Amino acid sequence: MKRMTQETFRLNNGNFCPFCQSGSTDYIEESMDYLEEQRECLDCGKAWIEKHKIAGYKEIKNYERKEI
């Protein structure tokens, strides 16, 4: 099977293996860096780094700060 393009991977929200298109993927380890996550395919055994980026922001309406 042909490797998924970067664009197709983004359009599918990273829900499929970019190598075999399987939906059976898992995180390899917990990451403190929320901009990159290591993932693996449970079917073909390939691994990759999923990269995230900030796309913008949205105000939280009616937010009240809680005192500690």
PDB file of N, CA and C in Angstrom:
ATOM      1  N   MET A   1       0.843  -1.179   0.000  1.00  0.00           N
ATOM      2  CA  MET A   1       0.000   0.000   0.000  1.00  0.00           C
ATOM      3  C   MET A   1       0.888   1.242   0.000  1.00  0.00           C
ATOM      4  N   LYS A   2       0.432   2.275  -0.655  1.00  0.00           N
ATOM      5  CA  LYS A   2       1.193   3.514  -0.786  1.00  0.00           C
ATOM      6  C   LYS A   2       1.128   4.347   0.497  1.00  0.00           C
ATOM      7  N   ARG A   3       2.252   4.989   0.815  1.00  0.00           N
ATOM      8  CA  ARG A   3       2.335   5.851   1.995  1.00  0.00           C
ATOM      9  C   ARG A   3       1.383   7.032   1.846  1.00  0.00           C
ATOM     10  N   MET A   4       0.715   7.406   2.927  1.00  0.00           N
ATOM     11  CA  MET A   4      -0.218   8.521   2.949  1.00  0.00           C
ATOM     12  C   MET A   4       0.548   9.833   2.798  1.00  0.00           C
ATOM     13  N   THR A   5      -0.006  10.778   2.082  1.00  0.00           N
ATOM     14  CA  THR A   5       0.631  12.087   1.964  1.00  0.00           C
ATOM     15  C   THR A   5       0.433  12.868   3.269  1.00  0.00           C
ATOM     16  N   GLN A   6       1.260  13.885   3.478  1.00  0.00           N
ATOM     17  CA  GLN A   6       1.128  14.736   4.665  1.00  0.00           C
ATOM     18  C   GLN A   6      -0.259  15.376   4.702  1.00  0.00           C
ATOM     19  N   GLU A   7      -0.744  15.830   3.556  1.00  0.00           N
ATOM     20  CA  GLU A   7      -2.050  16.477   3.485  1.00  0.00           C
ATOM     21  C   GLU A   7      -3.171  15.504   3.872  1.00  0.00           C
ATOM     22  N   THR A   8      -3.135  14.296   3.340  1.00  0.00           N
ATOM     23  CA  THR A   8      -4.155  13.303   3.668  1.00  0.00           C
ATOM     24  C   THR A   8      -4.106  12.955   5.153  1.00  0.00           C
ATOM     25  N   PHE A   9      -2.897  12.846   5.703  1.00  0.00           N
ATOM     26  CA  PHE A   9      -2.733  12.570   7.130  1.00  0.00           C
ATOM     27  C   PHE A   9      -3.404  13.664   7.960  1.00  0.00           C
ATOM     28  N   ARG A  10      -3.167  14.939   7.582  1.00  0.00           N
ATOM     29  CA  ARG A  10      -3.787  16.069   8.298  1.00  0.00           C
ATOM     30  C   ARG A  10      -5.306  16.048   8.151  1.00  0.00           C
ATOM     31  N   LEU A  11      -5.794  15.804   6.949  1.00  0.00           N
ATOM     32  CA  LEU A  11      -7.246  15.801   6.714  1.00  0.00           C
ATOM     33  C   LEU A  11      -7.954  14.705   7.500  1.00  0.00           C
ATOM     34  N   ASN A  12      -7.245  13.622   7.808  1.00  0.00           N
ATOM     35  CA  ASN A  12      -7.809  12.524   8.599  1.00  0.00           C
ATOM     36  C   ASN A  12      -7.485  12.666  10.082  1.00  0.00           C
ATOM     37  N   ASN A  13      -7.005  13.852  10.478  1.00  0.00           N
ATOM     38  CA  ASN A  13      -6.697  14.169  11.878  1.00  0.00           C
ATOM     39  C   ASN A  13      -5.734  13.184  12.524  1.00  0.00           C
ATOM     40  N   GLY A  14      -4.879  12.551  11.730  1.00  0.00           N
ATOM     41  CA  GLY A  14      -3.899  11.617  12.280  1.00  0.00           C
ATOM     42  C   GLY A  14      -4.508  10.346  12.836  1.00  0.00           C
ATOM     43  N   ASN A  15      -5.739  10.039  12.456  1.00  0.00           N
ATOM     44  CA  ASN A  15      -6.430   8.863  13.005  1.00  0.00           C
ATOM     45  C   ASN A  15      -6.034   7.548  12.358  1.00  0.00           C
ATOM     46  N   PHE A  16      -5.179   7.589  11.331  1.00  0.00           N
ATOM     47  CA  PHE A  16      -4.798   6.369  10.625  1.00  0.00           C
ATOM     48  C   PHE A  16      -3.287   6.311  10.473  1.00  0.00           C
ATOM     49  N   CYS A  17      -2.749   5.107  10.382  1.00  0.00           N
ATOM     50  CA  CYS A  17      -1.324   4.921  10.136  1.00  0.00           C
ATOM     51  C   CYS A  17      -0.987   5.522   8.776  1.00  0.00           C
ATOM     52  N   PRO A  18       0.030   6.381   8.701  1.00  0.00           N
ATOM     53  CA  PRO A  18       0.376   6.986   7.418  1.00  0.00           C
ATOM     54  C   PRO A  18       1.033   5.996   6.450  1.00  0.00           C
ATOM     55  N   PHE A  19       1.382   4.803   6.914  1.00  0.00           N
ATOM     56  CA  PHE A  19       2.062   3.817   6.081  1.00  0.00           C
ATOM     57  C   PHE A  19       1.112   2.760   5.515  1.00  0.00           C
ATOM     58  N   CYS A  20       0.190   2.240   6.354  1.00  0.00           N
ATOM     59  CA  CYS A  20      -0.713   1.184   5.875  1.00  0.00           C
ATOM     60  C   CYS A  20      -2.191   1.580   5.973  1.00  0.00           C
ATOM     61  N   GLN A  21      -2.487   2.764   6.483  1.00  0.00           N
ATOM     62  CA  GLN A  21      -3.829   3.322   6.625  1.00  0.00           C
ATOM     63  C   GLN A  21      -4.704   2.580   7.654  1.00  0.00           C
ATOM     64  N   SER A  22      -4.100   1.794   8.509  1.00  0.00           N
ATOM     65  CA  SER A  22      -4.838   1.100   9.559  1.00  0.00           C
ATOM     66  C   SER A  22      -5.301   2.102  10.616  1.00  0.00           C
ATOM     67  N   GLY A  23      -6.444   1.833  11.222  1.00  0.00           N
ATOM     68  CA  GLY A  23      -6.931   2.653  12.320  1.00  0.00           C
ATOM     69  C   GLY A  23      -6.451   2.148  13.668  1.00  0.00           C
ATOM     70  N   SER A  24      -5.667   1.074  13.677  1.00  0.00           N
ATOM     71  CA  SER A  24      -5.170   0.479  14.926  1.00  0.00           C
ATOM     72  C   SER A  24      -3.830   1.091  15.293  1.00  0.00           C
ATOM     73  N   THR A  25      -3.887   2.269  15.894  1.00  0.00           N
ATOM     74  CA  THR A  25      -2.663   2.958  16.299  1.00  0.00           C
ATOM     75  C   THR A  25      -2.715   3.240  17.786  1.00  0.00           C
ATOM     76  N   ASP A  26      -1.543   3.483  18.357  1.00  0.00           N
ATOM     77  CA  ASP A  26      -1.464   3.756  19.785  1.00  0.00           C
ATOM     78  C   ASP A  26      -0.300   4.702  20.030  1.00  0.00           C
ATOM     79  N   TYR A  27      -0.318   5.371  21.181  1.00  0.00           N
ATOM     80  CA  TYR A  27       0.790   6.224  21.579  1.00  0.00           C
ATOM     81  C   TYR A  27       1.872   5.339  22.174  1.00  0.00           C
ATOM     82  N   ILE A  28       3.129   5.603  21.822  1.00  0.00           N
ATOM     83  CA  ILE A  28       4.248   4.807  22.319  1.00  0.00           C
ATOM     84  C   ILE A  28       4.542   5.157  23.773  1.00  0.00           C
ATOM     85  N   GLU A  29       4.572   6.446  24.068  1.00  0.00           N
ATOM     86  CA  GLU A  29       4.840   6.880  25.438  1.00  0.00           C
ATOM     87  C   GLU A  29       4.183   8.226  25.666  1.00  0.00           C
ATOM     88  N   GLU A  30       3.926   8.511  26.931  1.00  0.00           N
ATOM     89  CA  GLU A  30       3.366   9.806  27.283  1.00  0.00           C
ATOM     90  C   GLU A  30       4.418  10.870  27.015  1.00  0.00           C
ATOM     91  N   SER A  31       3.993  12.003  26.496  1.00  0.00           N
ATOM     92  CA  SER A  31       4.918  13.075  26.187  1.00  0.00           C
ATOM     93  C   SER A  31       4.497  14.350  26.899  1.00  0.00           C
ATOM     94  N   MET A  32       5.461  15.029  27.462  1.00  0.00           N
ATOM     95  CA  MET A  32       5.183  16.319  28.083  1.00  0.00           C
ATOM     96  C   MET A  32       5.146  17.408  27.017  1.00  0.00           C
ATOM     97  N   ASP A  33       5.670  17.114  25.847  1.00  0.00           N
ATOM     98  CA  ASP A  33       5.678  18.066  24.742  1.00  0.00           C
ATOM     99  C   ASP A  33       4.413  17.836  23.921  1.00  0.00           C
ATOM    100  N   TYR A  34       3.399  18.652  24.139  1.00  0.00           N
ATOM    101  CA  TYR A  34       2.121  18.432  23.469  1.00  0.00           C
ATOM    102  C   TYR A  34       2.172  18.730  21.976  1.00  0.00           C
ATOM    103  N   LEU A  35       3.294  19.254  21.482  1.00  0.00           N
ATOM    104  CA  LEU A  35       3.405  19.544  20.057  1.00  0.00           C
ATOM    105  C   LEU A  35       3.911  18.349  19.253  1.00  0.00           C
ATOM    106  N   GLU A  36       4.407  17.311  19.920  1.00  0.00           N
ATOM    107  CA  GLU A  36       4.840  16.092  19.245  1.00  0.00           C
ATOM    108  C   GLU A  36       4.440  14.884  20.073  1.00  0.00           C
ATOM    109  N   GLU A  37       3.925  13.863  19.419  1.00  0.00           N
ATOM    110  CA  GLU A  37       3.557  12.606  20.078  1.00  0.00           C
ATOM    111  C   GLU A  37       4.129  11.451  19.278  1.00  0.00           C
ATOM    112  N   GLN A  38       4.743  10.495  19.952  1.00  0.00           N
ATOM    113  CA  GLN A  38       5.241   9.302  19.271  1.00  0.00           C
ATOM    114  C   GLN A  38       4.107   8.284  19.187  1.00  0.00           C
ATOM    115  N   ARG A  39       3.883   7.755  17.966  1.00  0.00           N
ATOM    116  CA  ARG A  39       2.797   6.808  17.749  1.00  0.00           C
ATOM    117  C   ARG A  39       3.325   5.580  17.052  1.00  0.00           C
ATOM    118  N   GLU A  40       2.573   4.501  17.110  1.00  0.00           N
ATOM    119  CA  GLU A  40       2.920   3.273  16.417  1.00  0.00           C
ATOM    120  C   GLU A  40       1.669   2.623  15.852  1.00  0.00           C
ATOM    121  N   CYS A  41       1.858   1.844  14.790  1.00  0.00           N
ATOM    122  CA  CYS A  41       0.761   1.099  14.189  1.00  0.00           C
ATOM    123  C   CYS A  41       0.782  -0.315  14.748  1.00  0.00           C
ATOM    124  N   LEU A  42      -0.348  -0.773  15.238  1.00  0.00           N
ATOM    125  CA  LEU A  42      -0.439  -2.113  15.809  1.00  0.00           C
ATOM    126  C   LEU A  42      -0.545  -3.175  14.726  1.00  0.00           C
ATOM    127  N   ASP A  43      -0.774  -2.775  13.477  1.00  0.00           N
ATOM    128  CA  ASP A  43      -0.876  -3.731  12.383  1.00  0.00           C
ATOM    129  C   ASP A  43       0.444  -3.906  11.625  1.00  0.00           C
ATOM    130  N   CYS A  44       1.040  -2.803  11.134  1.00  0.00           N
ATOM    131  CA  CYS A  44       2.256  -2.936  10.321  1.00  0.00           C
ATOM    132  C   CYS A  44       3.541  -2.757  11.129  1.00  0.00           C
ATOM    133  N   GLY A  45       3.441  -2.256  12.370  1.00  0.00           N
ATOM    134  CA  GLY A  45       4.603  -2.127  13.235  1.00  0.00           C
ATOM    135  C   GLY A  45       5.452  -0.888  13.015  1.00  0.00           C
ATOM    136  N   LYS A  46       5.067  -0.016  12.092  1.00  0.00           N
ATOM    137  CA  LYS A  46       5.826   1.218  11.859  1.00  0.00           C
ATOM    138  C   LYS A  46       5.536   2.215  12.984  1.00  0.00           C
ATOM    139  N   ALA A  47       6.464   3.146  13.170  1.00  0.00           N
ATOM    140  CA  ALA A  47       6.313   4.188  14.187  1.00  0.00           C
ATOM    141  C   ALA A  47       6.593   5.545  13.552  1.00  0.00           C
ATOM    142  N   TRP A  48       6.012   6.588  14.132  1.00  0.00           N
ATOM    143  CA  TRP A  48       6.197   7.937  13.604  1.00  0.00           C
ATOM    144  C   TRP A  48       5.979   8.946  14.706  1.00  0.00           C
ATOM    145  N   ILE A  49       6.409  10.172  14.437  1.00  0.00           N
ATOM    146  CA  ILE A  49       6.160  11.291  15.345  1.00  0.00           C
ATOM    147  C   ILE A  49       5.047  12.111  14.729  1.00  0.00           C
ATOM    148  N   GLU A  50       3.974  12.274  15.474  1.00  0.00           N
ATOM    149  CA  GLU A  50       2.843  13.087  15.036  1.00  0.00           C
ATOM    150  C   GLU A  50       3.098  14.509  15.520  1.00  0.00           C
ATOM    151  N   LYS A  51       3.113  15.463  14.610  1.00  0.00           N
ATOM    152  CA  LYS A  51       3.404  16.851  14.949  1.00  0.00           C
ATOM    153  C   LYS A  51       2.117  17.666  15.014  1.00  0.00           C
ATOM    154  N   HIS A  52       2.005  18.459  16.046  1.00  0.00           N
ATOM    155  CA  HIS A  52       0.847  19.330  16.240  1.00  0.00           C
ATOM    156  C   HIS A  52       1.303  20.778  16.152  1.00  0.00           C
ATOM    157  N   LYS A  53       0.387  21.663  15.817  1.00  0.00           N
ATOM    158  CA  LYS A  53       0.722  23.083  15.841  1.00  0.00           C
ATOM    159  C   LYS A  53      -0.485  23.866  16.321  1.00  0.00           C
ATOM    160  N   ILE A  54      -0.196  25.008  16.879  1.00  0.00           N
ATOM    161  CA  ILE A  54      -1.261  25.874  17.371  1.00  0.00           C
ATOM    162  C   ILE A  54      -1.918  26.547  16.174  1.00  0.00           C
ATOM    163  N   ALA A  55      -3.236  26.449  16.092  1.00  0.00           N
ATOM    164  CA  ALA A  55      -3.970  26.987  14.945  1.00  0.00           C
ATOM    165  C   ALA A  55      -4.652  28.316  15.249  1.00  0.00           C
ATOM    166  N   GLY A  56      -4.697  28.693  16.504  1.00  0.00           N
ATOM    167  CA  GLY A  56      -5.363  29.935  16.873  1.00  0.00           C
ATOM    168  C   GLY A  56      -5.857  29.845  18.308  1.00  0.00           C
ATOM    169  N   TYR A  57      -6.801  30.689  18.641  1.00  0.00           N
ATOM    170  CA  TYR A  57      -7.373  30.652  19.983  1.00  0.00           C
ATOM    171  C   TYR A  57      -8.838  31.047  19.927  1.00  0.00           C
ATOM    172  N   LYS A  58      -9.542  30.721  20.987  1.00  0.00           N
ATOM    173  CA  LYS A  58     -10.948  31.079  21.126  1.00  0.00           C
ATOM    174  C   LYS A  58     -11.177  31.444  22.590  1.00  0.00           C
ATOM    175  N   GLU A  59     -11.789  32.579  22.818  1.00  0.00           N
ATOM    176  CA  GLU A  59     -12.051  33.033  24.177  1.00  0.00           C
ATOM    177  C   GLU A  59     -13.057  32.105  24.862  1.00  0.00           C
ATOM    178  N   ILE A  60     -12.828  31.854  26.145  1.00  0.00           N
ATOM    179  CA  ILE A  60     -13.780  31.097  26.950  1.00  0.00           C
ATOM    180  C   ILE A  60     -14.734  32.108  27.575  1.00  0.00           C
ATOM    181  N   LYS A  61     -15.959  32.090  27.135  1.00  0.00           N
ATOM    182  CA  LYS A  61     -16.956  33.044  27.641  1.00  0.00           C
ATOM    183  C   LYS A  61     -17.367  32.671  29.067  1.00  0.00           C
ATOM    184  N   ASN A  62     -17.686  33.656  29.856  1.00  0.00           N
ATOM    185  CA  ASN A  62     -18.158  33.481  31.236  1.00  0.00           C
ATOM    186  C   ASN A  62     -17.143  32.766  32.123  1.00  0.00           C
ATOM    187  N   TYR A  63     -15.867  32.951  31.854  1.00  0.00           N
ATOM    188  CA  TYR A  63     -14.817  32.314  32.662  1.00  0.00           C
ATOM    189  C   TYR A  63     -14.645  33.083  33.957  1.00  0.00           C
ATOM    190  N   GLU A  64     -14.602  32.356  35.074  1.00  0.00           N
ATOM    191  CA  GLU A  64     -14.352  32.956  36.376  1.00  0.00           C
ATOM    192  C   GLU A  64     -13.141  32.271  36.987  1.00  0.00           C
ATOM    193  N   ARG A  65     -12.127  33.072  37.308  1.00  0.00           N
ATOM    194  CA  ARG A  65     -10.911  32.524  37.888  1.00  0.00           C
ATOM    195  C   ARG A  65     -11.200  32.005  39.281  1.00  0.00           C
ATOM    196  N   LYS A  66     -10.706  30.809  39.564  1.00  0.00           N
ATOM    197  CA  LYS A  66     -10.911  30.218  40.887  1.00  0.00           C
ATOM    198  C   LYS A  66      -9.716  30.536  41.780  1.00  0.00           C
ATOM    199  N   GLU A  67      -9.984  30.979  42.987  1.00  0.00           N
ATOM    200  CA  GLU A  67      -8.936  31.275  43.949  1.00  0.00           C
ATOM    201  C   GLU A  67      -8.451  29.993  44.594  1.00  0.00           C
ATOM    202  N   ILE A  68      -7.147  29.952  44.815  1.00  0.00           N
ATOM    203  CA  ILE A  68      -6.544  28.759  45.448  1.00  0.00           C
ATOM    204  C   ILE A  68      -6.404  28.964  46.929  1.00  0.00           C
TER     205      ILE A  68
END
